[in-house]
Amino acid sequence: MTSNVETIAGYEKDRLTTSGAARLKRLPDVTINGALFYHFQYEKDRTWNDSYATVTEDGEQQITVNWDFNKSDIDRKGANALIAKVMPTFERL
């Protein structure tokens, strides 16, 4: 499964780089309820952005969770705090 996550992370990094994601960084992979996710963090002119993804157990489907916050509504620390509360509730059904 790790290699599948690495493969989709590579595609996502390329997509984000070409779409103008500023301050793009890959954060450590996280395991949430048994599912290994990659995690990218970046920003655009008006938004804070985080992208997480994993694959199904059979490796056939990608599951993506994207977070986009308006900078005028919340700071990065607040966005991180909200993500940290919600992401642990993920369950692969």
Protein backbone atom coordinates (compact mmCIF):
# COMPACT_ATOMS: atom_id res chain seq x y z
CA MET A 1 0.00 0.00 0.00
CA THR A 2 2.87 2.37 0.75
CA SER A 3 4.03 2.27 -2.87
CA ASN A 4 0.50 3.10 -4.07
CA VAL A 5 0.40 6.12 -1.76
CA GLU A 6 3.85 7.18 -2.99
CA THR A 7 2.69 6.88 -6.61
CA ILE A 8 -0.38 9.06 -6.13
CA ALA A 9 1.64 11.53 -4.04
CA GLY A 10 4.02 11.94 -6.98
CA TYR A 11 1.13 12.69 -9.34
CA GLU A 12 -0.38 15.14 -6.87
CA LYS A 13 2.92 16.97 -6.38
CA ASP A 14 3.26 17.40 -10.15
CA ARG A 15 -0.34 18.64 -10.42
CA LEU A 16 0.06 21.12 -7.56
CA THR A 17 3.38 22.41 -8.88
CA THR A 18 1.93 23.14 -12.32
CA SER A 19 -1.25 24.69 -10.87
CA GLY A 20 0.65 27.40 -9.00
CA ALA A 21 0.62 26.10 -5.44
CA ALA A 22 2.88 28.38 -3.40
CA ARG A 23 4.99 27.19 -0.46
CA LEU A 24 4.22 23.59 -1.36
CA LYS A 25 5.55 21.13 1.15
CA ARG A 26 4.99 17.48 1.74
CA LEU A 27 4.37 16.75 5.37
CA PRO A 28 4.94 13.31 6.92
CA ASP A 29 2.50 10.59 5.92
CA VAL A 30 -0.18 9.92 8.53
CA THR A 31 -2.09 6.78 9.41
CA ILE A 32 -5.72 7.41 10.28
CA ASN A 33 -7.81 4.45 11.42
CA GLY A 34 -5.52 2.06 9.56
CA ALA A 35 -5.35 4.05 6.30
CA LEU A 36 -2.00 5.55 5.25
CA PHE A 37 -2.39 9.08 3.81
CA TYR A 38 0.10 11.39 2.16
CA HIS A 39 -0.23 15.05 3.17
CA PHE A 40 0.63 18.16 1.16
CA GLN A 41 0.28 21.68 2.52
CA TYR A 42 0.37 24.80 0.35
CA GLU A 43 -1.30 28.11 -0.24
CA LYS A 44 -2.75 30.18 -3.02
CA ASP A 45 -3.35 33.94 -3.09
CA ARG A 46 -6.48 33.83 -0.94
CA THR A 47 -6.49 30.32 0.54
CA TRP A 48 -4.68 27.91 2.84
CA ASN A 49 -4.78 24.41 1.36
CA ASP A 50 -4.14 20.87 2.53
CA SER A 51 -4.44 17.72 0.45
CA TYR A 52 -4.57 14.22 1.88
CA ALA A 53 -5.03 10.99 -0.10
CA THR A 54 -4.95 7.25 0.33
CA VAL A 55 -5.97 4.24 -1.72
CA THR A 56 -8.54 1.54 -1.11
CA GLU A 57 -7.30 -1.75 0.30
CA ASP A 58 -7.39 -3.35 -3.17
CA GLY A 59 -5.34 -0.43 -4.54
CA GLU A 60 -7.94 0.29 -7.21
CA GLN A 61 -9.42 3.59 -6.00
CA GLN A 62 -8.00 6.81 -4.63
CA ILE A 63 -9.65 8.58 -1.70
CA THR A 64 -8.82 12.30 -1.49
CA VAL A 65 -9.63 14.86 1.19
CA ASN A 66 -8.91 18.47 0.25
CA TRP A 67 -9.13 21.39 2.64
CA ASP A 68 -9.39 24.99 1.37
CA PHE A 69 -9.74 27.87 3.83
CA ASN A 70 -10.12 31.55 3.00
CA LYS A 71 -7.22 33.45 4.53
CA SER A 72 -9.59 36.30 5.41
CA ASP A 73 -11.65 33.92 7.59
CA ILE A 74 -8.99 31.90 9.42
CA ASP A 75 -5.23 31.91 9.97
CA ARG A 76 -2.99 28.91 9.22
CA LYS A 77 -2.86 27.91 12.88
CA GLY A 78 -6.66 27.84 13.05
CA ALA A 79 -6.90 25.85 9.83
CA ASN A 80 -4.42 23.31 11.19
CA ALA A 81 -6.40 23.02 14.42
CA LEU A 82 -9.66 22.37 12.57
CA ILE A 83 -8.04 19.74 10.31
CA ALA A 84 -6.50 18.06 13.36
CA LYS A 85 -9.97 17.71 14.91
CA VAL A 86 -11.73 16.33 11.84
CA MET A 87 -9.20 14.10 10.04
CA PRO A 88 -9.03 11.50 12.85
CA THR A 89 -12.74 10.80 12.26
CA PHE A 90 -12.02 9.35 8.78
CA GLU A 91 -13.15 5.77 8.31
CA ARG A 92 -12.65 3.72 5.18
CA LEU A 93 -15.97 1.93 4.62
